[in-house]
C-alpha cells in the first residue's frame, strides 16, 4: 500500500510537475500584473509580460529573433515607428546588444552546434577591430570625450561584432531558415507598401516610416534604411529565380523578385542602378560557370525576361505618357549621364564636397582624423560641421580611420567572399550567384552610398555576410562535405 502510493506520487511528480508550475506561475503573474497596472500603468505591465516571452523566443528560435531584430534596426516593422532613442542611443545599438546576448545564449545552450568562425574572416574582423580601437585611443588623445568618440564611430565596431555573433546563431539549419523567412516576409511587405506609396496609390507612411520624402516626376522617393534590405532580397531572389529549376515555390520567388525589383527601381537611386547592372553582369558570368543545367535554366529565364520587358517597354513607349514610372526612371538615368558629363546636379555637389573634405583631411589621409564628433570639433567648411556625410560614401571611413581603415573594413567582406569560394561545392548555385552579385552591388556603391558606412547599413551588411557564409549548412551536404568544410576553415 505504501509502495503503491509512493509510486503514484513519483509518477505524478515526474510527469505532471510542469502543470503545477504553470498554474503557480500564472497565478503569480496575474497578481504581479494587477499590482503593476494599479501602481505604474499598463505599459509597464505589458513589458513585464512580454519580456519573458521575448526571452523564450530568442532562446528557442534564435534565427527568427535575429531576423526580427534586423527589421527593428532598419525600422521595418509596419505600424511601429521605432526610430527614436535616448541621447545618442538608437534602436540599432539595442539590436546589436540583443544579437550578442542571443548568440551568447545559443553558445551556452547549444555548444555542439557552434562552429568555429573561418580563420580568414576572424583575422579580418580582428585587424579591423584593432585599428578601430587605435583610432578611438587617438580620438581621446585629441581631446574628444570618450562617449562622444565611441558613439561617433560605434557603427564600424558593431559591424565586426554582428558578423561573428550571427555566425554562431546561423550554424543550425533551422536558425538560418528562420532568419531568411522573417527577413524575406518583412522585405516583401515593405516593398508592397513602398510601391503603393511611391506611386501615390495609398498613404504608406505608417508602413514605410520614411526619414525623408521627395518627389520626382510624380513618383515619391521614400528614404528609409529598409531600402538596402530590399536591394539585398531582390538580388538573391533574382539569383534563385534565374538558376533554380522549376519547383512549387518558383511562382512565389518570381512574385518576390518582381515586387522587390519594382520597389528598387522606384527608389530612383542612380548609383544603385549602376551597381545592380554590374551585379547582373557578375551574376551571368558566375552562373555560366555553374554547369550545363544552371546555364540552361539561366538562358531560358533570361530570354523570357527580355521578351516580356521588351514588349512592355514598346507598349509604354507608344502609348505611355511622360508621367509613367518607366519614363521617370529612364529620365532619372539619362540625367545621371548629363550630370556626370557637365559635373552638375548631385554629381557636381558630391565632387565639390569631396574636394572640401579632402582639404580638411590633408596629409592625414593614411590614418584619418579620428572620431571627431561635431559637438567637440566643428568644421565650418563642411555641412553641419561634421566629417561624416551621407553623400560621400567611402569618405566616411577615410575621414575617420584613413585609407588604412577603409582597406581593413573592406577586408571583412572580401574574407567572407574568399571563404564562400573555398566552400562553393557545398552551396546551391543561387547562393553563389546571389552572393557575388550582391557583393558587386555593394562595392559599386562605395563612392556615394553609405550602405557600408552607416549604422543600419553596416548592421545589414554584417548579417548578410554571416548568412552567406553560414549557408553552407542550409542544404544537405555532399559526400565528404564535412571534411572539406573543416579543412577550409
Foldseek 3Di string as FASTA:
>chain_A
DVVVVVVVVVVCCVPPVVVVVVVVVVVVLVVVLVVCCVPPRNVVNVCVVVVVVLVVCCQVQVLLNLLVLLCLLQQLAFLDRQADDDDLDGSLNVSLVVLLVSLVSLCVVPVVLFDDDFPLLVVLLVVLVVLLVVLLVVCVVVVDDSVLQCSLPVLLVSLSSLQSSLLRQLSALSSLVSSVVSLLVSLLQLLVLLLCVQQVVDPRCSRNVAPDWDDFLNGIAGHTLCLLSLLLLLLLLVLCQQQPPDDPCNVVSVVSNVSSVSSNLSNLDQLLVVLLVQLVVLLLVLQVPPDDNRPVSNVVVVVVVVVVVVVVVVVCVVPNDCSDSVNRSVVSNVVVVVCVVVVDDLSVVQVVQVVQLCVVQDPVQAAAPGSQRCVRQADVSHVVRDQDDQFFAQSLQRNHGHPNSSVSLVSNLVSLLVLCVLLVVLADSSLNSSSVSSVSSVVSCRGTHHLCPDNSSSSVVSSVSSSSSSCSNNDDGDVVSVVSNVVSD
